[in-house]
Amino acid sequence: AYFKLGRYDEAQRYLRESVVGDPHSSLSWEHLGDVCEQLGQKDGAKTAWTKALSLTSDTNTSRRLKGKLDLTIRP
């Protein structure tokens, strides 16, 4: 909800807590990457999306995450 409201610092805080509480949640890692991206934390976004990708077996989710990762390597 904080993400949708543009309150990225708060969203990041709660998502960090979420991945500590459940480090196997691909969705939480993906959302953390999305927040990092919005905050201009390119390395953080890449790290979170890479972790999310390693945790999912869903083809559509994998494709979406690979697309996000491709965008982080572009200048």
PDB file of N, CA and C in Angstrom:
ATOM      1  N   ALA A   1       0.829  -1.191   0.000  1.00  0.00           N
ATOM      2  CA  ALA A   1       0.000   0.000   0.000  1.00  0.00           C
ATOM      3  C   ALA A   1       0.876   1.258   0.000  1.00  0.00           C
ATOM      4  N   TYR A   2       1.971   1.241   0.769  1.00  0.00           N
ATOM      5  CA  TYR A   2       2.847   2.413   0.797  1.00  0.00           C
ATOM      6  C   TYR A   2       3.452   2.682  -0.578  1.00  0.00           C
ATOM      7  N   PHE A   3       3.762   1.622  -1.307  1.00  0.00           N
ATOM      8  CA  PHE A   3       4.310   1.778  -2.650  1.00  0.00           C
ATOM      9  C   PHE A   3       3.332   2.530  -3.537  1.00  0.00           C
ATOM     10  N   LYS A   4       2.088   2.098  -3.528  1.00  0.00           N
ATOM     11  CA  LYS A   4       1.064   2.731  -4.371  1.00  0.00           C
ATOM     12  C   LYS A   4       0.823   4.184  -3.980  1.00  0.00           C
ATOM     13  N   LEU A   5       1.071   4.503  -2.719  1.00  0.00           N
ATOM     14  CA  LEU A   5       0.901   5.879  -2.251  1.00  0.00           C
ATOM     15  C   LEU A   5       2.149   6.730  -2.501  1.00  0.00           C
ATOM     16  N   GLY A   6       3.180   6.113  -3.041  1.00  0.00           N
ATOM     17  CA  GLY A   6       4.414   6.836  -3.309  1.00  0.00           C
ATOM     18  C   GLY A   6       5.266   7.049  -2.065  1.00  0.00           C
ATOM     19  N   ARG A   7       4.969   6.326  -1.027  1.00  0.00           N
ATOM     20  CA  ARG A   7       5.722   6.439   0.233  1.00  0.00           C
ATOM     21  C   ARG A   7       6.777   5.332   0.256  1.00  0.00           C
ATOM     22  N   TYR A   8       7.781   5.508  -0.598  1.00  0.00           N
ATOM     23  CA  TYR A   8       8.741   4.450  -0.871  1.00  0.00           C
ATOM     24  C   TYR A   8       9.656   4.124   0.316  1.00  0.00           C
ATOM     25  N   ASP A   9      10.023   5.136   1.090  1.00  0.00           N
ATOM     26  CA  ASP A   9      10.868   4.856   2.260  1.00  0.00           C
ATOM     27  C   ASP A   9      10.160   3.933   3.237  1.00  0.00           C
ATOM     28  N   GLU A  10       8.892   4.196   3.475  1.00  0.00           N
ATOM     29  CA  GLU A  10       8.118   3.348   4.392  1.00  0.00           C
ATOM     30  C   GLU A  10       7.916   1.957   3.795  1.00  0.00           C
ATOM     31  N   ALA A  11       7.632   1.918   2.502  1.00  0.00           N
ATOM     32  CA  ALA A  11       7.449   0.630   1.831  1.00  0.00           C
ATOM     33  C   ALA A  11       8.724  -0.200   1.943  1.00  0.00           C
ATOM     34  N   GLN A  12       9.861   0.452   1.738  1.00  0.00           N
ATOM     35  CA  GLN A  12      11.130  -0.259   1.808  1.00  0.00           C
ATOM     36  C   GLN A  12      11.363  -0.832   3.215  1.00  0.00           C
ATOM     37  N   ARG A  13      11.051  -0.041   4.225  1.00  0.00           N
ATOM     38  CA  ARG A  13      11.250  -0.506   5.603  1.00  0.00           C
ATOM     39  C   ARG A  13      10.441  -1.778   5.866  1.00  0.00           C
ATOM     40  N   TYR A  14       9.168  -1.777   5.479  1.00  0.00           N
ATOM     41  CA  TYR A  14       8.316  -2.932   5.747  1.00  0.00           C
ATOM     42  C   TYR A  14       8.675  -4.131   4.872  1.00  0.00           C
ATOM     43  N   LEU A  15       9.097  -3.876   3.651  1.00  0.00           N
ATOM     44  CA  LEU A  15       9.499  -4.986   2.789  1.00  0.00           C
ATOM     45  C   LEU A  15      10.800  -5.618   3.274  1.00  0.00           C
ATOM     46  N   ARG A  16      11.702  -4.821   3.803  1.00  0.00           N
ATOM     47  CA  ARG A  16      12.926  -5.392   4.385  1.00  0.00           C
ATOM     48  C   ARG A  16      12.571  -6.299   5.565  1.00  0.00           C
ATOM     49  N   GLU A  17      11.627  -5.856   6.387  1.00  0.00           N
ATOM     50  CA  GLU A  17      11.163  -6.701   7.491  1.00  0.00           C
ATOM     51  C   GLU A  17      10.524  -7.980   6.964  1.00  0.00           C
ATOM     52  N   SER A  18       9.791  -7.848   5.868  1.00  0.00           N
ATOM     53  CA  SER A  18       9.109  -8.998   5.284  1.00  0.00           C
ATOM     54  C   SER A  18      10.104 -10.054   4.795  1.00  0.00           C
ATOM     55  N   VAL A  19      11.167  -9.630   4.120  1.00  0.00           N
ATOM     56  CA  VAL A  19      12.122 -10.609   3.602  1.00  0.00           C
ATOM     57  C   VAL A  19      12.982 -11.210   4.714  1.00  0.00           C
ATOM     58  N   VAL A  20      13.135 -10.486   5.817  1.00  0.00           N
ATOM     59  CA  VAL A  20      13.820 -11.077   6.974  1.00  0.00           C
ATOM     60  C   VAL A  20      12.921 -12.147   7.596  1.00  0.00           C
ATOM     61  N   GLY A  21      11.627 -11.833   7.706  1.00  0.00           N
ATOM     62  CA  GLY A  21      10.681 -12.785   8.291  1.00  0.00           C
ATOM     63  C   GLY A  21      10.419 -13.990   7.416  1.00  0.00           C
ATOM     64  N   ASP A  22      10.444 -13.792   6.093  1.00  0.00           N
ATOM     65  CA  ASP A  22      10.220 -14.887   5.151  1.00  0.00           C
ATOM     66  C   ASP A  22      11.173 -14.716   3.970  1.00  0.00           C
ATOM     67  N   PRO A  23      12.416 -15.139   4.133  1.00  0.00           N
ATOM     68  CA  PRO A  23      13.412 -14.935   3.084  1.00  0.00           C
ATOM     69  C   PRO A  23      13.168 -15.750   1.813  1.00  0.00           C
ATOM     70  N   HIS A  24      12.161 -16.596   1.821  1.00  0.00           N
ATOM     71  CA  HIS A  24      11.863 -17.428   0.653  1.00  0.00           C
ATOM     72  C   HIS A  24      10.690 -16.892  -0.156  1.00  0.00           C
ATOM     73  N   SER A  25      10.249 -15.674   0.150  1.00  0.00           N
ATOM     74  CA  SER A  25       9.125 -15.073  -0.561  1.00  0.00           C
ATOM     75  C   SER A  25       9.610 -14.314  -1.796  1.00  0.00           C
ATOM     76  N   SER A  26       9.434 -14.931  -2.935  1.00  0.00           N
ATOM     77  CA  SER A  26       9.819 -14.297  -4.195  1.00  0.00           C
ATOM     78  C   SER A  26       9.087 -12.975  -4.391  1.00  0.00           C
ATOM     79  N   LEU A  27       7.807 -12.939  -4.036  1.00  0.00           N
ATOM     80  CA  LEU A  27       7.012 -11.732  -4.222  1.00  0.00           C
ATOM     81  C   LEU A  27       7.534 -10.569  -3.369  1.00  0.00           C
ATOM     82  N   SER A  28       7.889 -10.847  -2.127  1.00  0.00           N
ATOM     83  CA  SER A  28       8.429  -9.786  -1.265  1.00  0.00           C
ATOM     84  C   SER A  28       9.756  -9.262  -1.814  1.00  0.00           C
ATOM     85  N   TRP A  29      10.597 -10.152  -2.285  1.00  0.00           N
ATOM     86  CA  TRP A  29      11.871  -9.720  -2.864  1.00  0.00           C
ATOM     87  C   TRP A  29      11.634  -8.884  -4.126  1.00  0.00           C
ATOM     88  N   GLU A  30      10.676  -9.304  -4.942  1.00  0.00           N
ATOM     89  CA  GLU A  30      10.386  -8.530  -6.151  1.00  0.00           C
ATOM     90  C   GLU A  30       9.895  -7.136  -5.789  1.00  0.00           C
ATOM     91  N   HIS A  31       8.983  -7.044  -4.836  1.00  0.00           N
ATOM     92  CA  HIS A  31       8.463  -5.742  -4.430  1.00  0.00           C
ATOM     93  C   HIS A  31       9.559  -4.872  -3.819  1.00  0.00           C
ATOM     94  N   LEU A  32      10.457  -5.485  -3.065  1.00  0.00           N
ATOM     95  CA  LEU A  32      11.577  -4.730  -2.510  1.00  0.00           C
ATOM     96  C   LEU A  32      12.430  -4.164  -3.648  1.00  0.00           C
ATOM     97  N   GLY A  33      12.636  -4.946  -4.671  1.00  0.00           N
ATOM     98  CA  GLY A  33      13.370  -4.456  -5.843  1.00  0.00           C
ATOM     99  C   GLY A  33      12.658  -3.298  -6.515  1.00  0.00           C
ATOM    100  N   ASP A  34      11.341  -3.386  -6.608  1.00  0.00           N
ATOM    101  CA  ASP A  34      10.563  -2.301  -7.213  1.00  0.00           C
ATOM    102  C   ASP A  34      10.724  -1.005  -6.425  1.00  0.00           C
ATOM    103  N   VAL A  35      10.702  -1.122  -5.098  1.00  0.00           N
ATOM    104  CA  VAL A  35      10.857   0.055  -4.241  1.00  0.00           C
ATOM    105  C   VAL A  35      12.266   0.630  -4.389  1.00  0.00           C
ATOM    106  N   CYS A  36      13.253  -0.239  -4.375  1.00  0.00           N
ATOM    107  CA  CYS A  36      14.630   0.230  -4.546  1.00  0.00           C
ATOM    108  C   CYS A  36      14.780   0.982  -5.867  1.00  0.00           C
ATOM    109  N   GLU A  37      14.172   0.461  -6.899  1.00  0.00           N
ATOM    110  CA  GLU A  37      14.232   1.130  -8.199  1.00  0.00           C
ATOM    111  C   GLU A  37      13.644   2.537  -8.108  1.00  0.00           C
ATOM    112  N   GLN A  38      12.503   2.664  -7.470  1.00  0.00           N
ATOM    113  CA  GLN A  38      11.856   3.968  -7.335  1.00  0.00           C
ATOM    114  C   GLN A  38      12.707   4.946  -6.521  1.00  0.00           C
ATOM    115  N   LEU A  39      13.490   4.418  -5.599  1.00  0.00           N
ATOM    116  CA  LEU A  39      14.354   5.257  -4.768  1.00  0.00           C
ATOM    117  C   LEU A  39      15.711   5.525  -5.417  1.00  0.00           C
ATOM    118  N   GLY A  40      15.896   5.028  -6.639  1.00  0.00           N
ATOM    119  CA  GLY A  40      17.149   5.243  -7.353  1.00  0.00           C
ATOM    120  C   GLY A  40      18.273   4.338  -6.887  1.00  0.00           C
ATOM    121  N   GLN A  41      17.933   3.274  -6.202  1.00  0.00           N
ATOM    122  CA  GLN A  41      18.926   2.326  -5.685  1.00  0.00           C
ATOM    123  C   GLN A  41      19.052   1.154  -6.656  1.00  0.00           C
ATOM    124  N   LYS A  42      19.718   1.417  -7.761  1.00  0.00           N
ATOM    125  CA  LYS A  42      19.818   0.445  -8.847  1.00  0.00           C
ATOM    126  C   LYS A  42      20.437  -0.883  -8.404  1.00  0.00           C
ATOM    127  N   ASP A  43      21.497  -0.811  -7.619  1.00  0.00           N
ATOM    128  CA  ASP A  43      22.145  -2.047  -7.154  1.00  0.00           C
ATOM    129  C   ASP A  43      21.227  -2.838  -6.227  1.00  0.00           C
ATOM    130  N   GLY A  44      20.517  -2.129  -5.362  1.00  0.00           N
ATOM    131  CA  GLY A  44      19.576  -2.789  -4.459  1.00  0.00           C
ATOM    132  C   GLY A  44      18.453  -3.464  -5.219  1.00  0.00           C
ATOM    133  N   ALA A  45      17.964  -2.782  -6.259  1.00  0.00           N
ATOM    134  CA  ALA A  45      16.900  -3.356  -7.088  1.00  0.00           C
ATOM    135  C   ALA A  45      17.390  -4.623  -7.776  1.00  0.00           C
ATOM    136  N   LYS A  46      18.582  -4.546  -8.341  1.00  0.00           N
ATOM    137  CA  LYS A  46      19.149  -5.697  -9.047  1.00  0.00           C
ATOM    138  C   LYS A  46      19.330  -6.882  -8.101  1.00  0.00           C
ATOM    139  N   THR A  47      19.841  -6.618  -6.903  1.00  0.00           N
ATOM    140  CA  THR A  47      20.052  -7.675  -5.915  1.00  0.00           C
ATOM    141  C   THR A  47      18.733  -8.328  -5.522  1.00  0.00           C
ATOM    142  N   ALA A  48      17.720  -7.508  -5.250  1.00  0.00           N
ATOM    143  CA  ALA A  48      16.419  -8.034  -4.815  1.00  0.00           C
ATOM    144  C   ALA A  48      15.751  -8.825  -5.936  1.00  0.00           C
ATOM    145  N   TRP A  49      15.791  -8.301  -7.155  1.00  0.00           N
ATOM    146  CA  TRP A  49      15.164  -9.024  -8.266  1.00  0.00           C
ATOM    147  C   TRP A  49      15.899 -10.328  -8.578  1.00  0.00           C
ATOM    148  N   THR A  50      17.209 -10.326  -8.446  1.00  0.00           N
ATOM    149  CA  THR A  50      17.978 -11.554  -8.656  1.00  0.00           C
ATOM    150  C   THR A  50      17.587 -12.607  -7.617  1.00  0.00           C
ATOM    151  N   LYS A  51      17.438 -12.167  -6.372  1.00  0.00           N
ATOM    152  CA  LYS A  51      17.011 -13.089  -5.303  1.00  0.00           C
ATOM    153  C   LYS A  51      15.611 -13.621  -5.604  1.00  0.00           C
ATOM    154  N   ALA A  52      14.704 -12.732  -6.011  1.00  0.00           N
ATOM    155  CA  ALA A  52      13.335 -13.154  -6.347  1.00  0.00           C
ATOM    156  C   ALA A  52      13.354 -14.191  -7.467  1.00  0.00           C
ATOM    157  N   LEU A  53      14.173 -13.939  -8.471  1.00  0.00           N
ATOM    158  CA  LEU A  53      14.269 -14.868  -9.604  1.00  0.00           C
ATOM    159  C   LEU A  53      14.765 -16.237  -9.152  1.00  0.00           C
ATOM    160  N   SER A  54      15.689 -16.253  -8.217  1.00  0.00           N
ATOM    161  CA  SER A  54      16.224 -17.530  -7.737  1.00  0.00           C
ATOM    162  C   SER A  54      15.195 -18.316  -6.928  1.00  0.00           C
ATOM    163  N   LEU A  55      14.166 -17.646  -6.450  1.00  0.00           N
ATOM    164  CA  LEU A  55      13.166 -18.296  -5.598  1.00  0.00           C
ATOM    165  C   LEU A  55      11.892 -18.717  -6.321  1.00  0.00           C
ATOM    166  N   THR A  56      11.748 -18.326  -7.579  1.00  0.00           N
ATOM    167  CA  THR A  56      10.505 -18.649  -8.274  1.00  0.00           C
ATOM    168  C   THR A  56      10.711 -19.746  -9.311  1.00  0.00           C
ATOM    169  N   SER A  57       9.653 -20.512  -9.520  1.00  0.00           N
ATOM    170  CA  SER A  57       9.658 -21.517 -10.584  1.00  0.00           C
ATOM    171  C   SER A  57       8.575 -21.196 -11.614  1.00  0.00           C
ATOM    172  N   ASP A  58       7.844 -20.112 -11.378  1.00  0.00           N
ATOM    173  CA  ASP A  58       6.773 -19.699 -12.274  1.00  0.00           C
ATOM    174  C   ASP A  58       7.355 -19.031 -13.524  1.00  0.00           C
ATOM    175  N   THR A  59       6.980 -19.520 -14.686  1.00  0.00           N
ATOM    176  CA  THR A  59       7.521 -19.020 -15.945  1.00  0.00           C
ATOM    177  C   THR A  59       7.208 -17.544 -16.165  1.00  0.00           C
ATOM    178  N   ASN A  60       5.981 -17.132 -15.913  1.00  0.00           N
ATOM    179  CA  ASN A  60       5.612 -15.728 -16.123  1.00  0.00           C
ATOM    180  C   ASN A  60       6.354 -14.801 -15.167  1.00  0.00           C
ATOM    181  N   THR A  61       6.482 -15.225 -13.927  1.00  0.00           N
ATOM    182  CA  THR A  61       7.217 -14.424 -12.953  1.00  0.00           C
ATOM    183  C   THR A  61       8.685 -14.332 -13.349  1.00  0.00           C
ATOM    184  N   SER A  62       9.259 -15.436 -13.777  1.00  0.00           N
ATOM    185  CA  SER A  62      10.658 -15.442 -14.215  1.00  0.00           C
ATOM    186  C   SER A  62      10.860 -14.485 -15.384  1.00  0.00           C
ATOM    187  N   ARG A  63       9.960 -14.518 -16.323  1.00  0.00           N
ATOM    188  CA  ARG A  63      10.048 -13.647 -17.500  1.00  0.00           C
ATOM    189  C   ARG A  63       9.978 -12.168 -17.075  1.00  0.00           C
ATOM    190  N   ARG A  64       9.039 -11.863 -16.172  1.00  0.00           N
ATOM    191  CA  ARG A  64       8.874 -10.481 -15.700  1.00  0.00           C
ATOM    192  C   ARG A  64      10.139 -10.006 -14.979  1.00  0.00           C
ATOM    193  N   LEU A  65      10.683 -10.854 -14.113  1.00  0.00           N
ATOM    194  CA  LEU A  65      11.882 -10.486 -13.368  1.00  0.00           C
ATOM    195  C   LEU A  65      13.093 -10.318 -14.292  1.00  0.00           C
ATOM    196  N   LYS A  66      13.228 -11.187 -15.273  1.00  0.00           N
ATOM    197  CA  LYS A  66      14.325 -11.048 -16.228  1.00  0.00           C
ATOM    198  C   LYS A  66      14.209  -9.741 -16.997  1.00  0.00           C
ATOM    199  N   GLY A  67      12.976  -9.337 -17.305  1.00  0.00           N
ATOM    200  CA  GLY A  67      12.768  -8.057 -17.966  1.00  0.00           C
ATOM    201  C   GLY A  67      13.199  -6.894 -17.089  1.00  0.00           C
ATOM    202  N   LYS A  68      12.874  -6.960 -15.825  1.00  0.00           N
ATOM    203  CA  LYS A  68      13.295  -5.911 -14.889  1.00  0.00           C
ATOM    204  C   LYS A  68      14.815  -5.880 -14.767  1.00  0.00           C
ATOM    205  N   LEU A  69      15.427  -7.048 -14.686  1.00  0.00           N
ATOM    206  CA  LEU A  69      16.883  -7.110 -14.586  1.00  0.00           C
ATOM    207  C   LEU A  69      17.555  -6.579 -15.849  1.00  0.00           C
ATOM    208  N   ASP A  70      16.971  -6.851 -17.002  1.00  0.00           N
ATOM    209  CA  ASP A  70      17.518  -6.333 -18.248  1.00  0.00           C
ATOM    210  C   ASP A  70      17.526  -4.814 -18.235  1.00  0.00           C
ATOM    211  N   LEU A  71      16.497  -4.208 -17.658  1.00  0.00           N
ATOM    212  CA  LEU A  71      16.421  -2.752 -17.604  1.00  0.00           C
ATOM    213  C   LEU A  71      17.482  -2.154 -16.684  1.00  0.00           C
ATOM    214  N   THR A  72      17.894  -2.898 -15.654  1.00  0.00           N
ATOM    215  CA  THR A  72      18.892  -2.353 -14.718  1.00  0.00           C
ATOM    216  C   THR A  72      20.291  -2.343 -15.298  1.00  0.00           C
ATOM    217  N   ILE A  73      20.532  -3.117 -16.337  1.00  0.00           N
ATOM    218  CA  ILE A  73      21.879  -3.125 -16.912  1.00  0.00           C
ATOM    219  C   ILE A  73      22.016  -2.119 -18.045  1.00  0.00           C
ATOM    220  N   ARG A  74      20.931  -1.508 -18.445  1.00  0.00           N
ATOM    221  CA  ARG A  74      21.000  -0.477 -19.474  1.00  0.00           C
ATOM    222  C   ARG A  74      21.434   0.844 -18.845  1.00  0.00           C
ATOM    223  N   PRO A  75      22.190   1.643 -19.613  1.00  0.00           N
ATOM    224  CA  PRO A  75      22.655   2.931 -19.076  1.00  0.00           C
ATOM    225  C   PRO A  75      21.522   3.915 -18.842  1.00  0.00           C
TER     226      PRO A  75
END
